[in-house]
C-alpha cells in the first residue's frame, strides 16, 4: 500500500503539470500581438463569428490605391460580450456583413493582417462590444 501512494502522487503531479502547460500555451495574446503599437483601421465587415474560445471578426480594408486586404481580429470570449450586454443575436446583427466599422487593434508581430481587437466603432460612432477588450493589462 505504501508503494502505491507515491506513485499516485507522482501521477497527479504529472497530470497537473501537463494541464497547466497547455493553459499557458493558449493565452499568448500579448506575446503574439504588438500591444504597444495599436493601429486603427476603417473597413467593412466580411464575417463575424460568436464562438469559443474567442470571437472572430473578418473585415476588408481598402487602401488608397484600391487594394483590398482581408483582416482577422480576435476578440474576447463570448461570455465577456454577454456580460457587457452584447449577446449573440445583438452582436451578429450589429456586425453583419457589409457593416462599415473603425477598429483599433494590436497587430500581429509577424506582420500578417491579424490582430487582437481593442475597440470597434460603427460609422455612426457607436461602440460595439465590451470596452477595452483586447487591450493589454494596466491600460
Protein backbone atom coordinates (compact mmCIF):
# COMPACT_ATOMS: atom_id res chain seq x y z
CA UNK A 1 0.00 0.00 0.00
CA UNK A 2 2.85 2.41 0.76
CA UNK A 3 4.31 1.96 -2.73
CA UNK A 4 1.01 2.99 -4.36
CA UNK A 5 0.72 6.33 -2.56
CA UNK A 6 3.92 7.84 -4.01
CA UNK A 7 3.07 6.51 -7.48
CA UNK A 8 -0.41 8.01 -7.30
CA UNK A 9 1.00 11.32 -6.07
CA UNK A 10 3.53 11.44 -8.90
CA UNK A 11 0.80 10.70 -11.45
CA UNK A 12 -1.37 13.51 -10.09
CA UNK A 13 1.51 16.00 -10.10
CA UNK A 14 2.41 14.99 -13.66
CA UNK A 15 -1.17 15.47 -14.86
CA UNK A 16 -1.37 18.90 -13.20
CA UNK A 17 1.84 19.96 -14.95
CA UNK A 18 0.52 18.82 -18.33
CA UNK A 19 -2.72 20.73 -17.89
CA UNK A 20 -1.02 23.91 -16.69
CA UNK A 21 1.42 23.94 -19.63
CA UNK A 22 -1.40 23.75 -22.17
CA UNK A 23 -3.30 26.54 -20.42
CA UNK A 24 -0.33 28.88 -20.57
CA UNK A 25 0.35 27.97 -24.21
CA UNK A 26 -3.14 29.08 -25.25
CA UNK A 27 -3.03 32.50 -23.63
CA UNK A 28 -0.29 34.16 -25.68
CA UNK A 29 -2.34 37.18 -26.78
CA UNK A 30 0.10 39.77 -25.51
CA UNK A 31 3.08 37.81 -26.84
CA UNK A 32 1.66 37.30 -30.36
CA UNK A 33 0.37 40.85 -30.76
CA UNK A 34 2.16 44.21 -30.52
CA UNK A 35 0.12 45.92 -27.80
CA UNK A 36 2.45 48.92 -27.63
CA UNK A 37 1.72 49.95 -31.22
CA UNK A 38 -2.03 49.63 -31.83
CA UNK A 39 -3.42 50.50 -35.26
CA UNK A 40 -6.80 51.92 -36.22
CA UNK A 41 -8.35 50.73 -39.46
CA UNK A 42 -11.58 51.50 -41.30
CA UNK A 43 -13.20 48.71 -43.22
CA UNK A 44 -16.26 46.64 -44.00
CA UNK A 45 -17.30 43.52 -42.08
CA UNK A 46 -16.97 40.33 -44.12
CA UNK A 47 -17.76 37.79 -41.37
CA UNK A 48 -18.31 37.68 -37.62
CA UNK A 49 -18.29 34.52 -35.51
CA UNK A 50 -19.57 34.47 -31.92
CA UNK A 51 -17.53 31.40 -30.99
CA UNK A 52 -15.41 29.98 -28.18
CA UNK A 53 -12.73 30.42 -27.09
CA UNK A 54 -12.58 33.83 -28.83
CA UNK A 55 -14.92 35.73 -31.10
CA UNK A 56 -13.60 36.29 -34.62
CA UNK A 57 -14.15 39.29 -36.87
CA UNK A 58 -13.06 39.34 -40.51
CA UNK A 59 -13.13 42.67 -42.32
CA UNK A 60 -11.87 44.17 -45.56
CA UNK A 61 -9.72 47.29 -45.62
CA UNK A 62 -9.25 49.18 -48.90
CA UNK A 63 -6.08 51.28 -49.28
CA UNK A 64 -5.63 54.50 -51.30
CA UNK A 65 -4.82 52.50 -54.46
CA UNK A 66 -7.97 50.36 -54.21
CA UNK A 67 -6.21 47.23 -52.97
CA UNK A 68 -8.33 45.23 -50.51
CA UNK A 69 -6.78 43.37 -47.58
CA UNK A 70 -8.82 40.92 -45.51
CA UNK A 71 -8.01 41.34 -41.81
CA UNK A 72 -8.85 38.97 -38.97
CA UNK A 73 -9.39 40.25 -35.44
CA UNK A 74 -9.58 38.05 -32.38
CA UNK A 75 -12.00 39.32 -29.77
CA UNK A 76 -12.75 38.34 -26.21
CA UNK A 77 -14.65 35.20 -25.28
CA UNK A 78 -18.42 35.25 -25.85
CA UNK A 79 -19.13 35.41 -22.11
CA UNK A 80 -17.29 38.75 -21.94
CA UNK A 81 -19.56 40.11 -24.69
CA UNK A 82 -22.66 38.80 -22.87
CA UNK A 83 -21.57 40.38 -19.57
CA UNK A 84 -21.28 43.72 -21.40
CA UNK A 85 -24.84 43.35 -22.77
CA UNK A 86 -23.84 42.14 -26.22
CA UNK A 87 -25.42 38.71 -26.71
CA UNK A 88 -25.02 36.60 -29.81
CA UNK A 89 -28.08 37.91 -31.70
CA UNK A 90 -27.34 41.58 -30.97
CA UNK A 91 -23.67 41.26 -31.87
CA UNK A 92 -24.21 39.25 -35.05
CA UNK A 93 -26.89 41.66 -36.29
CA UNK A 94 -24.76 44.71 -35.45
CA UNK A 95 -21.66 43.26 -37.13
CA UNK A 96 -23.48 41.86 -40.15
CA UNK A 97 -21.55 41.54 -43.42
CA UNK A 98 -21.35 44.89 -45.20
CA UNK A 99 -21.31 46.96 -41.99
CA UNK A 100 -18.75 49.78 -42.02
CA UNK A 101 -16.53 49.82 -38.95
CA UNK A 102 -13.49 51.50 -37.48
CA UNK A 103 -11.44 49.16 -35.35
CA UNK A 104 -8.41 49.64 -33.13
CA UNK A 105 -6.37 46.51 -32.65
CA UNK A 106 -2.99 45.25 -31.57
CA UNK A 107 -1.44 43.92 -34.79
CA UNK A 108 0.35 40.60 -35.13
CA UNK A 109 4.09 40.83 -34.51
CA UNK A 110 4.74 38.74 -37.64
CA UNK A 111 3.25 41.42 -39.93
CA UNK A 112 0.24 39.42 -41.08
CA UNK A 113 -3.16 41.20 -41.27
CA UNK A 114 -4.29 39.77 -37.93
CA UNK A 115 -4.79 41.41 -34.56
CA UNK A 116 -6.37 41.44 -31.13
CA UNK A 117 -9.38 43.76 -31.21
CA UNK A 118 -9.41 46.55 -28.64
CA UNK A 119 -12.27 48.81 -29.77
CA UNK A 120 -14.83 48.63 -32.56
CA UNK A 121 -16.97 51.56 -33.67
CA UNK A 122 -19.80 51.77 -36.20
CA UNK A 123 -19.95 54.55 -38.79
CA UNK A 124 -22.35 56.47 -36.52
CA UNK A 125 -19.79 56.45 -33.68
CA UNK A 126 -21.48 53.78 -31.54
CA UNK A 127 -19.02 51.47 -29.79
CA UNK A 128 -19.65 47.78 -30.33
CA UNK A 129 -18.95 45.19 -27.66
CA UNK A 130 -17.12 45.36 -24.37
CA UNK A 131 -14.96 48.43 -23.83
CA UNK A 132 -11.24 47.79 -23.74
CA UNK A 133 -11.39 44.22 -24.95
CA UNK A 134 -8.02 43.07 -26.25
CA UNK A 135 -6.08 45.88 -24.60
CA UNK A 136 -3.04 44.93 -22.56
CA UNK A 137 -3.38 44.86 -18.79
CA UNK A 138 -2.96 48.15 -16.88
CA UNK A 139 -4.11 50.41 -19.72
